[in-house]
N, C-alpha and C. Protein backbone atom coordinates (compact mmCIF):
# COMPACT_ATOMS: atom_id res chain seq x y z
N MET A 1 9.53 -21.68 9.02
CA MET A 1 9.55 -20.29 8.22
C MET A 1 9.57 -19.23 8.76
N THR A 2 10.52 -18.19 8.73
CA THR A 2 10.31 -16.82 9.30
C THR A 2 10.26 -15.45 8.56
N LEU A 3 9.12 -14.87 8.99
CA LEU A 3 8.97 -13.53 8.27
C LEU A 3 9.68 -12.42 8.83
N THR A 4 10.31 -11.88 7.89
CA THR A 4 10.97 -10.75 8.44
C THR A 4 10.44 -9.18 7.69
N VAL A 5 10.38 -8.42 7.90
CA VAL A 5 9.94 -6.88 7.10
C VAL A 5 11.39 -6.35 7.19
N ARG A 6 11.71 -5.72 5.98
CA ARG A 6 12.82 -5.10 5.87
C ARG A 6 12.70 -3.72 4.77
N THR A 7 13.25 -2.43 5.04
CA THR A 7 13.18 -1.25 3.97
C THR A 7 13.76 -2.02 2.30
N ALA A 8 12.63 -1.70 1.51
CA ALA A 8 13.03 -2.32 -0.07
C ALA A 8 14.20 -1.41 -0.33
N VAL A 9 14.44 -1.91 -1.57
CA VAL A 9 15.65 -1.63 -2.08
C VAL A 9 15.14 -1.28 -3.73
N ARG A 10 16.03 -0.42 -4.61
CA ARG A 10 15.49 -0.70 -5.90
C ARG A 10 15.67 -2.13 -6.79
N ASP A 11 16.73 -3.16 -6.19
CA ASP A 11 16.59 -4.36 -6.56
C ASP A 11 15.08 -5.22 -6.38
N ASP A 12 14.66 -4.83 -5.71
CA ASP A 12 12.95 -5.29 -4.96
C ASP A 12 11.95 -4.82 -5.98
N ALA A 13 12.25 -3.73 -7.30
CA ALA A 13 10.95 -3.52 -7.79
C ALA A 13 10.43 -4.51 -8.51
N ALA A 14 11.31 -5.45 -9.02
CA ALA A 14 10.26 -6.71 -9.92
C ALA A 14 9.51 -7.45 -8.88
N ALA A 15 9.87 -7.51 -7.40
CA ALA A 15 8.94 -8.37 -6.84
C ALA A 15 8.16 -7.47 -6.43
N ILE A 16 8.17 -6.31 -5.72
CA ILE A 16 7.55 -5.39 -5.36
C ILE A 16 5.90 -5.24 -6.74
N ALA A 17 6.71 -5.36 -7.91
CA ALA A 17 5.53 -5.29 -8.98
C ALA A 17 4.67 -6.41 -9.13
N HIS A 18 5.59 -7.81 -8.69
CA HIS A 18 4.73 -8.95 -8.57
C HIS A 18 3.99 -9.00 -7.53
N VAL A 19 3.88 -8.35 -6.39
CA VAL A 19 3.05 -8.63 -5.08
C VAL A 19 1.78 -7.59 -5.52
N ARG A 20 2.06 -6.39 -6.05
CA ARG A 20 1.13 -5.29 -6.60
C ARG A 20 0.09 -6.08 -7.77
N VAL A 21 0.91 -6.20 -8.74
CA VAL A 21 -0.24 -7.10 -9.72
C VAL A 21 -1.19 -7.99 -9.24
N THR A 22 -0.10 -8.87 -8.69
CA THR A 22 -1.09 -10.03 -8.37
C THR A 22 -2.24 -10.00 -7.27
N THR A 23 -1.53 -9.00 -6.49
CA THR A 23 -3.15 -8.60 -5.43
C THR A 23 -3.96 -7.99 -5.78
N TRP A 24 -3.77 -6.75 -6.73
CA TRP A 24 -4.90 -6.18 -7.34
C TRP A 24 -5.96 -7.03 -7.97
N ARG A 25 -5.70 -8.20 -8.90
CA ARG A 25 -6.05 -8.98 -9.68
C ARG A 25 -7.14 -9.46 -8.52
N ALA A 26 -6.46 -10.20 -7.69
CA ALA A 26 -7.36 -10.64 -6.77
C ALA A 26 -8.12 -9.82 -5.89
N ALA A 27 -7.62 -9.25 -4.90
CA ALA A 27 -8.63 -8.18 -4.39
C ALA A 27 -9.60 -7.32 -5.19
N TYR A 28 -9.04 -6.96 -5.89
CA TYR A 28 -10.29 -5.82 -6.53
C TYR A 28 -10.71 -6.75 -7.63
N ASP A 29 -11.08 -7.81 -7.70
CA ASP A 29 -11.79 -8.53 -8.75
C ASP A 29 -13.21 -8.22 -8.46
N GLY A 30 -13.70 -7.73 -9.26
CA GLY A 30 -15.09 -7.10 -9.33
C GLY A 30 -15.43 -5.84 -8.66
N LEU A 31 -14.41 -5.37 -8.46
CA LEU A 31 -14.60 -3.79 -7.85
C LEU A 31 -13.48 -3.09 -8.77
N ILE A 32 -12.97 -3.48 -9.93
CA ILE A 32 -12.44 -2.49 -10.90
C ILE A 32 -12.67 -3.35 -12.09
N ASP A 33 -12.63 -2.52 -13.21
CA ASP A 33 -12.92 -2.89 -14.62
C ASP A 33 -12.04 -4.60 -14.72
N ASP A 34 -12.31 -5.26 -15.31
CA ASP A 34 -11.72 -6.69 -15.56
C ASP A 34 -10.63 -6.39 -16.63
N GLU A 35 -10.83 -5.33 -17.58
CA GLU A 35 -9.64 -4.95 -18.71
C GLU A 35 -8.66 -4.10 -17.92
N VAL A 36 -9.04 -3.39 -17.23
CA VAL A 36 -7.76 -2.64 -16.50
C VAL A 36 -7.00 -3.89 -15.67
N LEU A 37 -7.63 -4.57 -14.98
CA LEU A 37 -6.76 -5.78 -13.90
C LEU A 37 -5.84 -6.87 -15.12
N ALA A 38 -6.53 -7.18 -16.13
CA ALA A 38 -6.17 -7.77 -17.04
C ALA A 38 -4.79 -7.38 -17.95
N HIS A 39 -4.83 -5.93 -18.10
CA HIS A 39 -3.63 -5.25 -18.87
C HIS A 39 -2.41 -4.92 -17.97
N MET A 40 -2.75 -5.37 -16.51
CA MET A 40 -1.72 -4.62 -15.56
C MET A 40 -0.41 -5.73 -16.05
N ASP A 41 0.55 -5.02 -16.13
CA ASP A 41 2.13 -6.00 -16.80
C ASP A 41 3.01 -5.78 -15.21
N GLU A 42 3.88 -6.93 -14.84
CA GLU A 42 4.76 -6.58 -14.08
C GLU A 42 6.07 -6.30 -14.64
N GLU A 43 6.16 -6.58 -15.70
CA GLU A 43 7.40 -6.12 -16.37
C GLU A 43 7.41 -4.66 -16.45
N ARG A 44 6.15 -4.10 -16.98
CA ARG A 44 6.29 -2.60 -17.09
C ARG A 44 6.19 -1.81 -15.85
N GLU A 45 5.55 -2.58 -14.88
CA GLU A 45 5.40 -1.90 -13.61
C GLU A 45 6.54 -1.80 -12.98
N ALA A 46 7.56 -3.04 -12.88
CA ALA A 46 8.82 -2.68 -12.24
C ALA A 46 9.81 -2.14 -13.01
N ALA A 47 9.72 -2.08 -14.24
CA ALA A 47 10.48 -0.79 -15.16
C ALA A 47 10.28 0.78 -14.52
N ARG A 48 8.98 1.09 -14.25
CA ARG A 48 8.53 2.19 -13.86
C ARG A 48 9.08 2.55 -12.57
N ARG A 49 9.13 1.76 -11.66
CA ARG A 49 9.25 1.56 -10.31
C ARG A 49 10.92 1.91 -10.10
N ARG A 50 11.73 1.32 -11.15
CA ARG A 50 13.25 1.30 -11.04
C ARG A 50 13.67 2.80 -11.33
N ASP A 51 12.74 3.25 -12.62
CA ASP A 51 12.81 4.76 -13.08
C ASP A 51 12.49 5.82 -12.06
N VAL A 52 11.78 5.71 -11.52
CA VAL A 52 11.37 6.56 -10.93
C VAL A 52 12.16 6.45 -9.05
N TRP A 53 12.55 5.41 -8.81
CA TRP A 53 13.06 4.95 -7.40
C TRP A 53 13.64 6.26 -6.43
N ASP A 54 14.60 6.65 -7.29
CA ASP A 54 15.01 8.13 -6.49
C ASP A 54 14.40 9.10 -6.36
N ARG A 55 13.31 9.30 -7.24
CA ARG A 55 12.53 10.53 -6.83
C ARG A 55 11.82 10.18 -5.81
N THR A 56 10.72 8.73 -5.97
CA THR A 56 10.11 8.76 -5.13
C THR A 56 10.51 8.38 -3.60
N HIS A 57 11.72 8.03 -3.02
CA HIS A 57 12.75 7.81 -2.16
C HIS A 57 13.57 8.98 -1.45
N ALA A 58 13.50 10.02 -2.07
CA ALA A 58 13.95 11.52 -1.72
C ALA A 58 13.80 11.83 -0.35
N ASP A 59 12.53 11.72 0.14
CA ASP A 59 12.19 12.29 1.60
C ASP A 59 12.61 10.86 2.33
N PRO A 60 13.12 11.66 3.65
CA PRO A 60 13.56 10.35 4.66
C PRO A 60 12.47 9.98 5.44
N ARG A 61 11.50 11.12 5.51
CA ARG A 61 10.21 10.43 6.13
C ARG A 61 9.52 9.31 5.64
N GLY A 62 9.73 8.56 4.44
CA GLY A 62 8.96 7.72 3.75
C GLY A 62 9.91 6.63 3.73
N ALA A 63 9.29 5.64 3.05
CA ALA A 63 9.93 4.28 2.79
C ALA A 63 8.93 3.35 2.40
N GLU A 64 9.57 2.30 1.19
CA GLU A 64 8.94 0.97 1.08
C GLU A 64 9.30 -0.36 1.76
N LEU A 65 8.48 -1.02 2.35
CA LEU A 65 8.84 -2.30 2.86
C LEU A 65 8.57 -3.18 2.30
N VAL A 66 9.32 -4.65 2.26
CA VAL A 66 9.05 -5.87 1.69
C VAL A 66 8.87 -6.56 3.07
N ALA A 67 7.94 -7.47 2.93
CA ALA A 67 7.93 -8.91 3.68
C ALA A 67 8.36 -9.81 2.95
N GLU A 68 9.43 -10.52 3.76
CA GLU A 68 9.87 -11.72 3.05
C GLU A 68 9.73 -13.10 3.86
N LEU A 69 9.48 -14.15 3.78
CA LEU A 69 9.30 -15.56 3.85
C LEU A 69 10.17 -16.26 3.31
N ASP A 70 11.22 -17.24 4.25
CA ASP A 70 12.25 -17.70 3.63
C ASP A 70 12.61 -17.32 2.30
N GLY A 71 12.92 -15.90 2.47
CA GLY A 71 13.93 -15.36 1.30
C GLY A 71 12.94 -14.80 0.11
N GLY A 72 11.75 -14.97 0.23
CA GLY A 72 10.92 -14.71 -0.97
C GLY A 72 10.22 -13.72 -0.37
N VAL A 73 9.49 -12.42 -1.29
CA VAL A 73 8.96 -11.39 -1.21
C VAL A 73 7.73 -11.52 -1.40
N VAL A 74 6.63 -11.34 -0.18
CA VAL A 74 5.37 -12.20 0.29
C VAL A 74 4.38 -10.91 0.23
N GLY A 75 4.82 -9.72 0.20
CA GLY A 75 4.35 -8.24 0.98
C GLY A 75 5.12 -7.21 0.36
N TRP A 76 4.22 -6.07 0.45
CA TRP A 76 4.69 -4.78 0.37
C TRP A 76 4.12 -3.39 0.97
N ALA A 77 4.89 -2.57 1.49
CA ALA A 77 3.83 -1.63 1.91
C ALA A 77 4.77 -0.50 1.56
N ALA A 78 4.28 0.89 1.52
CA ALA A 78 4.57 2.19 1.19
C ALA A 78 4.04 3.19 2.22
N TYR A 79 4.99 3.90 2.82
CA TYR A 79 4.38 5.53 3.41
C TYR A 79 5.24 6.41 3.41
N GLY A 80 4.86 7.18 3.97
CA GLY A 80 5.43 8.78 3.73
C GLY A 80 4.76 9.84 4.21
N PRO A 81 5.11 11.09 4.02
CA PRO A 81 4.36 12.14 4.24
C PRO A 81 3.03 11.95 3.54
N SER A 82 1.99 12.72 4.36
CA SER A 82 0.75 12.96 3.24
C SER A 82 0.96 13.56 1.86
N VAL A 83 0.43 13.33 1.23
CA VAL A 83 -0.02 14.25 -0.40
C VAL A 83 -1.34 14.58 -0.13
N ASP A 84 -2.06 14.53 0.83
CA ASP A 84 -3.43 15.22 0.53
C ASP A 84 -3.74 16.52 0.98
N GLU A 85 -4.24 17.35 0.43
CA GLU A 85 -4.35 18.53 0.96
C GLU A 85 -5.03 18.78 2.21
N GLU A 86 -6.10 17.86 2.44
CA GLU A 86 -6.79 17.90 3.74
C GLU A 86 -6.10 17.70 4.99
N ARG A 87 -4.99 16.97 4.58
CA ARG A 87 -4.05 16.29 5.72
C ARG A 87 -2.53 16.44 5.79
N PRO A 88 -2.31 17.89 5.89
CA PRO A 88 -1.07 18.35 5.58
C PRO A 88 -0.50 18.06 7.38
N GLY A 89 0.71 17.77 7.22
CA GLY A 89 1.61 17.09 8.13
C GLY A 89 1.19 15.76 8.95
N SER A 90 0.18 15.27 8.50
CA SER A 90 0.15 13.80 8.56
C SER A 90 1.06 13.08 7.59
N GLY A 91 0.84 11.64 8.27
CA GLY A 91 1.52 10.63 7.60
C GLY A 91 0.44 9.96 6.64
N GLN A 92 0.98 9.22 5.63
CA GLN A 92 0.12 8.23 4.91
C GLN A 92 0.60 6.91 4.84
N LEU A 93 -0.18 6.00 4.49
CA LEU A 93 0.14 4.81 4.20
C LEU A 93 -0.70 4.65 2.89
N PHE A 94 0.56 4.28 1.89
CA PHE A 94 0.22 4.59 0.59
C PHE A 94 -0.49 3.21 -0.09
N ALA A 95 0.59 1.99 0.34
CA ALA A 95 -0.24 1.02 -0.10
C ALA A 95 0.35 -0.15 0.79
N LEU A 96 -0.31 -0.97 0.89
CA LEU A 96 0.09 -2.24 1.68
C LEU A 96 -0.75 -3.39 1.02
N TYR A 97 0.33 -4.58 0.80
CA TYR A 97 -0.48 -5.73 -0.26
C TYR A 97 0.40 -6.92 0.19
N ALA A 98 -0.36 -7.80 0.24
CA ALA A 98 0.19 -9.57 0.87
C ALA A 98 -0.44 -10.32 -0.18
N LEU A 99 0.64 -11.24 -0.96
CA LEU A 99 -0.04 -12.12 -2.00
C LEU A 99 -1.20 -12.77 -1.56
N PRO A 100 -1.99 -13.18 -2.38
CA PRO A 100 -3.33 -13.97 -1.95
C PRO A 100 -2.97 -14.69 -1.10
N SER A 101 -2.21 -15.73 -1.59
CA SER A 101 -1.50 -17.12 -0.63
C SER A 101 -1.34 -16.57 1.03
N HIS A 102 -0.88 -15.75 0.67
CA HIS A 102 -0.55 -15.14 2.43
C HIS A 102 -1.32 -14.32 3.01
N TRP A 103 -2.48 -14.14 2.33
CA TRP A 103 -3.52 -13.49 3.47
C TRP A 103 -4.08 -14.24 4.65
N SER A 104 -4.30 -13.71 5.70
CA SER A 104 -4.55 -13.90 6.91
C SER A 104 -3.73 -14.87 7.74
N THR A 105 -2.09 -14.50 7.55
CA THR A 105 -1.28 -15.13 7.69
C THR A 105 -0.14 -14.47 8.81
N GLY A 106 -0.63 -12.85 8.88
CA GLY A 106 0.15 -12.01 9.84
C GLY A 106 1.02 -11.45 8.95
N VAL A 107 1.13 -11.78 7.76
CA VAL A 107 2.03 -11.09 6.81
C VAL A 107 1.52 -9.43 6.74
N GLY A 108 0.29 -8.91 6.51
CA GLY A 108 -0.24 -7.86 6.49
C GLY A 108 0.24 -7.02 7.69
N ALA A 109 -0.14 -7.65 9.12
CA ALA A 109 -0.07 -6.99 10.33
C ALA A 109 1.01 -6.71 10.40
N ALA A 110 2.13 -7.83 9.86
CA ALA A 110 3.98 -7.46 10.03
C ALA A 110 3.95 -6.07 9.52
N LEU A 111 3.66 -6.07 8.21
CA LEU A 111 3.71 -4.66 7.41
C LEU A 111 3.33 -3.32 8.08
N LEU A 112 1.95 -3.77 8.60
CA LEU A 112 1.38 -2.40 8.94
C LEU A 112 2.11 -2.15 10.29
N SER A 113 2.07 -2.80 11.16
CA SER A 113 3.12 -2.32 12.21
C SER A 113 4.46 -1.71 12.06
N ALA A 114 5.10 -2.40 10.90
CA ALA A 114 6.28 -1.63 10.60
C ALA A 114 5.98 -0.33 10.23
N ALA A 115 4.91 -0.29 9.33
CA ALA A 115 4.77 1.09 8.64
C ALA A 115 4.49 1.99 9.77
N GLU A 116 3.75 1.85 10.75
CA GLU A 116 3.13 2.59 11.60
C GLU A 116 4.49 3.20 12.61
N ARG A 117 5.17 2.25 12.68
CA ARG A 117 6.56 2.66 13.51
C ARG A 117 7.24 3.23 12.58
N GLY A 118 7.45 3.28 11.60
CA GLY A 118 8.18 4.31 10.76
C GLY A 118 7.65 5.30 10.62
N LEU A 119 6.33 5.50 10.45
CA LEU A 119 5.40 6.91 10.51
C LEU A 119 5.78 7.75 11.90
N ARG A 120 5.79 7.21 12.80
CA ARG A 120 5.66 7.83 14.26
C ARG A 120 7.00 8.26 14.32
N ASP A 121 8.29 6.91 14.03
CA ASP A 121 9.57 7.39 14.36
C ASP A 121 9.91 8.53 13.36
N ALA A 122 9.55 9.07 12.00
CA ALA A 122 9.10 10.14 11.26
C ALA A 122 8.90 11.11 11.77
N GLY A 123 8.46 11.02 12.94
CA GLY A 123 7.63 12.69 13.56
C GLY A 123 6.22 12.41 13.34
N PHE A 124 5.18 12.00 12.54
CA PHE A 124 4.28 11.92 12.75
C PHE A 124 3.58 11.55 13.92
N THR A 125 2.28 12.12 13.95
CA THR A 125 1.36 12.01 15.46
C THR A 125 0.22 11.10 14.75
N ASP A 126 -0.13 11.35 13.32
CA ASP A 126 -1.59 10.57 12.98
C ASP A 126 -0.96 10.35 11.58
N ALA A 127 -1.75 9.56 11.23
CA ALA A 127 -2.06 8.57 9.69
C ALA A 127 -3.14 8.36 9.08
N HIS A 128 -2.96 8.42 7.68
CA HIS A 128 -4.37 8.20 6.96
C HIS A 128 -3.93 7.04 5.75
N LEU A 129 -5.23 6.79 5.34
CA LEU A 129 -5.11 5.93 3.97
C LEU A 129 -6.28 5.68 3.52
N TRP A 130 -6.31 5.09 1.92
CA TRP A 130 -7.13 5.19 1.09
C TRP A 130 -7.83 3.68 1.23
N VAL A 131 -9.09 3.29 1.13
CA VAL A 131 -9.54 1.95 1.02
C VAL A 131 -10.46 1.96 -0.05
N LEU A 132 -10.36 1.17 -1.22
CA LEU A 132 -11.15 1.30 -2.31
C LEU A 132 -12.54 0.74 -1.65
N GLU A 133 -13.71 1.57 -2.49
CA GLU A 133 -15.23 0.99 -1.56
C GLU A 133 -15.23 -0.49 -2.24
N GLY A 134 -16.24 -1.09 -1.20
CA GLY A 134 -16.21 -2.30 -1.61
C GLY A 134 -15.23 -3.45 -1.04
N ASN A 135 -14.02 -3.02 -0.90
CA ASN A 135 -13.12 -4.02 -0.28
C ASN A 135 -13.03 -4.09 1.09
N ALA A 136 -14.15 -4.97 1.54
CA ALA A 136 -14.42 -5.37 2.70
C ALA A 136 -13.36 -6.05 3.67
N ARG A 137 -12.48 -6.86 2.94
CA ARG A 137 -11.46 -7.49 3.29
C ARG A 137 -10.46 -6.33 4.08
N ALA A 138 -10.17 -5.39 3.19
CA ALA A 138 -9.31 -4.20 3.53
C ALA A 138 -9.80 -3.46 4.66
N ALA A 139 -11.09 -3.10 4.70
CA ALA A 139 -11.67 -2.29 5.42
C ALA A 139 -11.90 -2.94 7.00
N THR A 140 -12.22 -4.37 6.93
CA THR A 140 -11.93 -5.12 8.38
C THR A 140 -10.83 -5.38 8.82
N PHE A 141 -9.96 -5.22 8.00
CA PHE A 141 -8.20 -5.51 8.53
C PHE A 141 -8.06 -4.06 9.18
N TYR A 142 -8.17 -3.15 8.50
CA TYR A 142 -7.81 -2.19 9.32
C TYR A 142 -8.63 -1.44 10.33
N GLU A 143 -9.85 -1.50 10.27
CA GLU A 143 -10.74 -1.62 11.44
C GLU A 143 -10.13 -2.60 12.61
N ARG A 144 -9.89 -3.52 12.51
CA ARG A 144 -9.51 -4.41 13.41
C ARG A 144 -8.04 -3.84 14.04
N ASN A 145 -7.00 -3.07 13.47
CA ASN A 145 -5.90 -2.58 13.38
C ASN A 145 -5.87 -1.04 14.08
N GLY A 146 -7.24 -0.75 14.40
CA GLY A 146 -7.20 0.66 14.87
C GLY A 146 -7.44 1.93 13.91
N TRP A 147 -7.32 1.78 12.87
CA TRP A 147 -7.71 2.50 11.98
C TRP A 147 -9.04 2.59 11.17
N SER A 148 -9.69 3.94 11.68
CA SER A 148 -11.40 4.50 11.67
C SER A 148 -11.83 4.99 10.44
N GLU A 149 -12.79 4.55 9.58
CA GLU A 149 -13.10 5.93 8.60
C GLU A 149 -13.78 7.37 9.30
N ASP A 150 -13.05 8.21 8.51
CA ASP A 150 -13.48 9.58 9.05
C ASP A 150 -14.21 10.30 8.05
N GLY A 151 -15.11 9.51 7.05
CA GLY A 151 -15.84 10.37 6.20
C GLY A 151 -15.19 10.81 5.12
N GLY A 152 -13.71 11.10 5.15
CA GLY A 152 -13.39 11.53 3.82
C GLY A 152 -13.70 10.78 2.66
N VAL A 153 -13.66 11.14 1.06
CA VAL A 153 -14.05 10.48 0.08
C VAL A 153 -13.00 10.89 -0.89
N LEU A 154 -12.69 9.96 -1.86
CA LEU A 154 -11.89 10.26 -2.87
C LEU A 154 -12.22 9.59 -4.42
N VAL A 155 -12.21 10.72 -5.02
CA VAL A 155 -12.51 9.86 -6.43
C VAL A 155 -11.33 10.13 -7.37
N ASP A 156 -10.74 8.95 -7.65
CA ASP A 156 -9.42 9.01 -8.35
C ASP A 156 -9.68 8.75 -9.49
N HIS A 157 -9.12 9.59 -10.37
CA HIS A 157 -9.14 9.29 -11.94
C HIS A 157 -7.93 8.76 -12.21
N ARG A 158 -7.77 7.48 -13.29
CA ARG A 158 -6.25 7.06 -13.32
C ARG A 158 -6.63 6.44 -14.64
N THR A 159 -5.58 6.27 -15.30
CA THR A 159 -5.15 5.66 -16.67
C THR A 159 -4.31 4.61 -16.64
N GLY A 160 -4.93 3.52 -17.02
CA GLY A 160 -4.32 1.96 -17.01
C GLY A 160 -3.54 1.73 -18.07
N ALA A 161 -2.50 0.65 -17.84
CA ALA A 161 -1.41 0.20 -18.57
C ALA A 161 -1.77 0.32 -19.86
N ASP A 162 -2.88 -0.05 -20.24
CA ASP A 162 -3.50 0.08 -22.03
C ASP A 162 -3.87 1.55 -21.95
N GLY A 163 -3.78 2.60 -21.45
CA GLY A 163 -4.51 3.77 -21.96
C GLY A 163 -5.60 3.91 -21.14
N ARG A 164 -6.71 2.90 -20.85
CA ARG A 164 -8.03 3.01 -20.60
C ARG A 164 -8.06 3.64 -19.43
N ARG A 165 -8.80 4.88 -19.12
CA ARG A 165 -9.59 5.46 -17.91
C ARG A 165 -10.11 4.88 -16.92
N TYR A 166 -9.91 5.06 -15.82
CA TYR A 166 -11.00 4.55 -14.97
C TYR A 166 -11.04 5.21 -13.82
N THR A 167 -11.84 5.17 -12.99
CA THR A 167 -12.08 5.80 -11.56
C THR A 167 -12.07 4.90 -10.55
N LEU A 168 -11.26 5.38 -9.13
CA LEU A 168 -11.65 4.60 -8.08
C LEU A 168 -12.39 5.24 -6.97
N HIS A 169 -13.42 4.47 -6.58
CA HIS A 169 -14.18 5.53 -5.03
C HIS A 169 -13.41 5.10 -3.69
N GLU A 170 -12.66 5.83 -3.01
CA GLU A 170 -12.29 5.28 -2.04
C GLU A 170 -12.50 5.96 -0.72
N ARG A 171 -12.44 5.08 0.52
CA ARG A 171 -12.89 6.18 1.43
C ARG A 171 -11.53 6.07 2.45
N ARG A 172 -11.24 7.12 3.15
CA ARG A 172 -10.45 7.31 3.86
C ARG A 172 -10.26 6.71 5.76
N ARG A 173 -9.21 6.55 5.89
CA ARG A 173 -9.45 5.99 7.30
C ARG A 173 -8.12 6.31 8.00
N THR A 174 -8.63 6.81 9.40
CA THR A 174 -7.22 7.34 9.95
C THR A 174 -7.01 6.68 11.17
N THR A 175 -5.70 7.26 11.83
CA THR A 175 -5.13 6.49 13.55
C THR A 175 -4.43 7.19 13.88
N SER A 176 -4.48 7.33 15.16
CA SER A 176 -3.21 7.92 16.16
C SER A 176 -2.57 7.30 15.93
N LEU A 177 -0.94 7.81 15.79
CA LEU A 177 0.04 6.96 16.13
C LEU A 177 0.64 6.97 17.80
N SER A 178 -0.11 7.45 18.41
CA SER A 178 0.65 7.40 19.74
C SER A 178 0.14 6.02 20.29
N ARG A 179 -0.53 5.40 19.37
CA ARG A 179 -0.82 3.61 20.14
C ARG A 179 0.07 2.84 19.75
N VAL A 180 1.08 3.81 18.58
CA VAL A 180 2.10 2.56 18.27
C VAL A 180 3.29 2.38 19.22
N ARG A 181 3.72 1.41 19.52
CA ARG A 181 4.98 0.65 20.04
C ARG A 181 5.85 0.73 19.38
């Protein structure tokens, strides 16, 4: 079995949606309202991704990546220029997910390494990401890979697929991309 990481294309939208929905339901169980997770829909998510693909990929400093194992997508990451007002000029890791059946197998580490290289190659010297409060698995993973909490907090108000409003409380982690090879 060979793991490869490549740049995602629009045709990967359904696979990315599957990874995102499946992983949210597993990783955020007990951290996000069950009704929000239950109403996530892969088909609707894939259609939304396809509809906004060109707009969300207009900046060449960002990309989405997929991790494939024997031809099937088992992980996804997205990175690019920071959208946080507090971190202008920084890179940002927007998402990194591996299917639960592939947790602790190297999929996440491979995606993180590729995203860090992509950010560094795009000219960023540092980067940040947000981790949902209570997500100890993610916090430990990022800490082990050189991302440290810096005290930044985000209260992120969202609307779910069913129109239900919910709030995520997140903590920022940062890293220097000079350590990336």
